[in-house]
Amino acid sequence: VDLVHRDDDGHLSGARVVDRLDGLRHDAIVRCHVHDAGGGGIYVGSRKSSTEGKPAVVGNTVDNNFVHDVGRIFGGSVGIYLGRGARNTVSHNEVCDTDWSGLPLGNPGDPPSAGHTVESNHIHHVLRGMLSDGAGIYTLGTSSGTAIRNNLIHDAYAYPTSPGRGIYHDTMSAGYTCENNVVYNVSGHGILQW
């Protein structure tokens, strides 16, 4: 592990609290308390396509963090974002009180993501009736071999004219395995494959 954020307390940020978008390899963000952010909480991986055709971030761990009350200035912000990359793990985190999705992952285009693990997270009170087209866990694009398992997701309420979802595989989502997740108390689908 080259870089470790451990036991940090990040808050009152105007943008993202922990922002590791490009080139992150074999690093860890562990036991951090991320809260009251103007933007998002923890962002790992890029939304941009890589010109080398390789994933931007590989083998990182985001584990046992508490992320809440993010997006106070930028309402579309998320708790934990897992972007383009391979073999990253997001586990044992609690994410709550976001105006959009708690944990979105993936991105359409090349190169695709692959082999992520998203497990044993507790995601609740997301969307909060502010925005729509989101979920506790939201996927977009191909991510072959990615496992979404053993997560607890509840209290997802989108804008009144749109449903809140527990797990939402949006357009072009493929390659995900969802198993043993518990979803309850959402205003729409527990799991939706679009």
Protein backbone atom coordinates (compact mmCIF):
# COMPACT_ATOMS: atom_id res chain seq x y z
CA VAL A 1 0.00 0.00 0.00
CA ASP A 2 1.51 3.29 -1.12
CA LEU A 3 -0.96 5.82 0.30
CA VAL A 4 -3.17 5.36 3.32
CA HIS A 5 -5.87 7.67 4.64
CA ARG A 6 -6.65 6.23 8.06
CA ASP A 7 -8.74 7.66 10.89
CA ASP A 8 -9.15 11.01 9.10
CA ASP A 9 -12.00 13.41 9.91
CA GLY A 10 -12.87 15.40 6.77
CA HIS A 11 -15.62 17.99 6.84
CA LEU A 12 -16.76 21.44 5.73
CA SER A 13 -15.14 21.08 2.35
CA GLY A 14 -16.26 23.14 -0.62
CA ALA A 15 -15.78 20.20 -3.00
CA ARG A 16 -14.91 16.52 -2.50
CA VAL A 17 -13.34 15.54 0.79
CA VAL A 18 -11.17 12.65 -0.47
CA ASP A 19 -10.52 12.90 -4.20
CA ARG A 20 -8.23 10.28 -5.77
CA LEU A 21 -9.26 10.21 -9.40
CA ASP A 22 -6.32 9.19 -11.56
CA GLY A 23 -3.42 6.77 -11.23
CA LEU A 24 -4.27 5.45 -7.76
CA ARG A 25 -2.88 1.93 -7.29
CA HIS A 26 -2.90 -0.35 -4.25
CA ASP A 27 -3.85 2.40 -1.81
CA ALA A 28 -6.34 2.48 1.08
CA ILE A 29 -8.90 4.83 2.56
CA VAL A 30 -9.79 3.26 5.91
CA ARG A 31 -11.78 4.31 9.01
CA CYS A 32 -12.36 7.90 7.90
CA HIS A 33 -15.25 10.09 8.99
CA VAL A 34 -16.34 12.19 6.00
CA HIS A 35 -19.19 14.62 6.62
CA ASP A 36 -20.74 18.03 6.00
CA ALA A 37 -19.12 18.36 2.58
CA GLY A 38 -20.10 20.90 -0.06
CA GLY A 39 -19.41 18.23 -2.69
CA GLY A 40 -18.98 14.48 -2.50
CA GLY A 41 -17.36 12.26 0.07
CA ILE A 42 -14.81 9.76 -1.26
CA TYR A 43 -14.06 9.61 -5.00
CA VAL A 44 -11.82 6.85 -6.38
CA GLY A 45 -11.37 6.43 -10.12
CA SER A 46 -11.88 8.64 -13.10
CA ARG A 47 -14.89 9.32 -15.28
CA LYS A 48 -12.57 10.00 -18.23
CA SER A 49 -11.43 7.46 -20.80
CA SER A 50 -7.79 6.43 -20.55
CA THR A 51 -5.71 6.87 -23.69
CA GLU A 52 -3.48 3.90 -22.80
CA GLY A 53 -6.45 1.53 -22.75
CA LYS A 54 -5.71 0.54 -19.14
CA PRO A 55 -7.85 1.15 -16.06
CA ALA A 56 -7.00 4.38 -14.27
CA VAL A 57 -7.07 2.95 -10.74
CA VAL A 58 -6.25 -0.60 -9.67
CA GLY A 59 -6.33 -2.62 -6.44
CA ASN A 60 -7.47 0.08 -4.01
CA THR A 61 -9.48 -0.38 -0.81
CA VAL A 62 -12.16 1.89 0.66
CA ASP A 63 -13.11 0.20 3.93
CA ASN A 64 -14.94 0.95 7.17
CA ASN A 65 -15.63 4.65 6.54
CA PHE A 66 -18.60 6.71 7.72
CA VAL A 67 -19.74 9.14 4.99
CA HIS A 68 -22.76 11.37 5.59
CA ASP A 69 -24.29 14.76 4.89
CA VAL A 70 -22.47 15.37 1.62
CA GLY A 71 -23.57 17.55 -1.30
CA ARG A 72 -24.48 20.56 0.80
CA ILE A 73 -23.46 22.93 -2.03
CA PHE A 74 -23.38 20.59 -5.07
CA GLY A 75 -26.58 18.57 -4.67
CA GLY A 76 -25.71 15.86 -7.23
CA SER A 77 -22.72 14.73 -5.19
CA VAL A 78 -22.44 11.20 -3.80
CA GLY A 79 -21.12 9.45 -0.72
CA ILE A 80 -18.56 7.13 -2.34
CA TYR A 81 -17.82 7.12 -6.08
CA LEU A 82 -15.99 4.21 -7.70
CA GLY A 83 -15.08 5.19 -11.26
CA ARG A 84 -13.10 3.63 -14.06
CA GLY A 85 -10.63 1.01 -12.84
CA ALA A 86 -10.12 -2.63 -11.90
CA ARG A 87 -10.08 -4.82 -8.80
CA ASN A 88 -10.98 -2.07 -6.32
CA THR A 89 -12.86 -2.93 -3.12
CA VAL A 90 -15.49 -0.83 -1.36
CA SER A 91 -16.53 -2.61 1.84
CA HIS A 92 -17.95 -2.16 5.34
CA ASN A 93 -18.79 1.52 4.84
CA GLU A 94 -21.83 3.40 6.09
CA VAL A 95 -23.13 6.00 3.63
CA CYS A 96 -26.18 8.14 4.41
CA ASP A 97 -27.85 11.50 4.00
CA THR A 98 -27.03 12.23 0.36
CA ASP A 99 -29.22 14.06 -2.14
CA TRP A 100 -28.34 11.63 -4.94
CA SER A 101 -26.94 8.08 -5.00
CA GLY A 102 -25.03 6.69 -2.07
CA LEU A 103 -22.52 4.59 -4.04
CA PRO A 104 -22.39 4.88 -7.84
CA LEU A 105 -19.88 2.80 -9.75
CA GLY A 106 -18.76 2.23 -13.29
CA ASN A 107 -18.71 4.44 -16.33
CA PRO A 108 -19.63 3.81 -19.96
CA GLY A 109 -16.98 3.79 -22.66
CA ASP A 110 -13.49 2.42 -23.02
CA PRO A 111 -11.70 1.08 -21.22
CA PRO A 112 -14.43 -0.64 -19.21
CA SER A 113 -14.09 -1.26 -15.50
CA ALA A 114 -13.60 -4.82 -14.25
CA GLY A 115 -13.42 -6.98 -11.15
CA HIS A 116 -14.56 -4.55 -8.45
CA THR A 117 -15.99 -5.79 -5.15
CA VAL A 118 -18.73 -3.81 -3.39
CA GLU A 119 -19.72 -5.66 -0.25
CA SER A 120 -21.11 -5.37 3.25
CA ASN A 121 -21.94 -1.67 3.02
CA HIS A 122 -24.84 -0.01 4.84
CA ILE A 123 -26.43 2.64 2.62
CA HIS A 124 -29.48 4.56 3.75
CA HIS A 125 -31.41 7.82 3.53
CA VAL A 126 -30.24 8.60 0.01
CA LEU A 127 -31.90 10.78 -2.64
CA ARG A 128 -33.87 12.40 0.23
CA GLY A 129 -36.64 13.47 -2.13
CA MET A 130 -34.31 15.98 -3.81
CA LEU A 131 -33.15 14.30 -7.04
CA SER A 132 -34.19 11.32 -9.17
CA ASP A 133 -32.70 8.60 -11.38
CA GLY A 134 -30.48 7.28 -8.60
CA ALA A 135 -30.24 4.60 -5.94
CA GLY A 136 -28.41 3.34 -2.92
CA ILE A 137 -26.03 1.60 -5.35
CA TYR A 138 -26.11 2.87 -8.94
CA THR A 139 -24.23 1.28 -11.85
CA LEU A 140 -23.50 2.59 -15.33
CA GLY A 141 -21.44 0.88 -18.03
CA THR A 142 -19.72 -2.49 -18.32
CA SER A 143 -17.78 -3.88 -15.38
CA SER A 144 -17.10 -7.57 -16.01
CA GLY A 145 -16.61 -9.66 -12.91
CA THR A 146 -17.80 -6.98 -10.50
CA ALA A 147 -19.57 -8.33 -7.40
CA ILE A 148 -22.20 -6.38 -5.47
CA ARG A 149 -23.03 -8.50 -2.44
CA ASN A 150 -24.13 -8.52 1.18
CA ASN A 151 -25.10 -4.84 1.23
CA LEU A 152 -27.92 -3.38 3.32
CA ILE A 153 -29.82 -0.58 1.57
CA HIS A 154 -32.90 1.23 2.83
CA ASP A 155 -34.78 4.54 2.85
CA ALA A 156 -34.21 5.69 -0.73
CA TYR A 157 -36.79 8.29 -1.75
CA ALA A 158 -36.35 10.16 -5.03
CA TYR A 159 -38.04 13.35 -6.18
CA PRO A 160 -41.81 12.87 -5.76
CA THR A 161 -42.45 12.06 -9.44
CA SER A 162 -39.67 9.43 -9.68
CA PRO A 163 -38.99 6.21 -7.75
CA GLY A 164 -36.06 5.71 -5.39
CA ARG A 165 -34.29 2.40 -5.89
CA GLY A 166 -32.11 0.13 -3.80
CA ILE A 167 -29.81 -1.06 -6.60
CA TYR A 168 -30.17 0.44 -10.07
CA HIS A 169 -28.34 -0.96 -13.11
CA ASP A 170 -28.81 1.94 -15.51
CA THR A 171 -28.33 2.02 -19.28
CA MET A 172 -25.42 -0.06 -20.64
CA SER A 173 -24.79 -1.75 -17.27
CA ALA A 174 -23.38 -5.24 -17.79
CA GLY A 175 -21.05 -7.71 -16.10
CA TYR A 176 -22.28 -7.18 -12.54
CA THR A 177 -23.22 -10.00 -10.17
CA CYS A 178 -25.67 -8.98 -7.44
CA GLU A 179 -26.21 -11.42 -4.60
CA ASN A 180 -27.35 -11.52 -0.99
CA ASN A 181 -28.24 -7.83 -0.80
CA VAL A 182 -31.08 -6.64 1.46
CA VAL A 183 -33.21 -3.73 0.24
CA TYR A 184 -36.26 -2.31 2.01
CA ASN A 185 -38.24 0.88 2.49
CA VAL A 186 -37.58 2.41 -0.94
CA SER A 187 -40.12 4.37 -2.98
CA GLY A 188 -39.51 2.33 -6.16
CA HIS A 189 -37.78 -0.88 -7.18
CA GLY A 190 -35.61 -2.92 -4.84
CA ILE A 191 -33.38 -3.82 -7.79
CA LEU A 192 -33.85 -2.49 -11.32
CA GLN A 193 -32.03 -3.55 -14.49
CA TRP A 194 -32.77 -0.85 -17.08
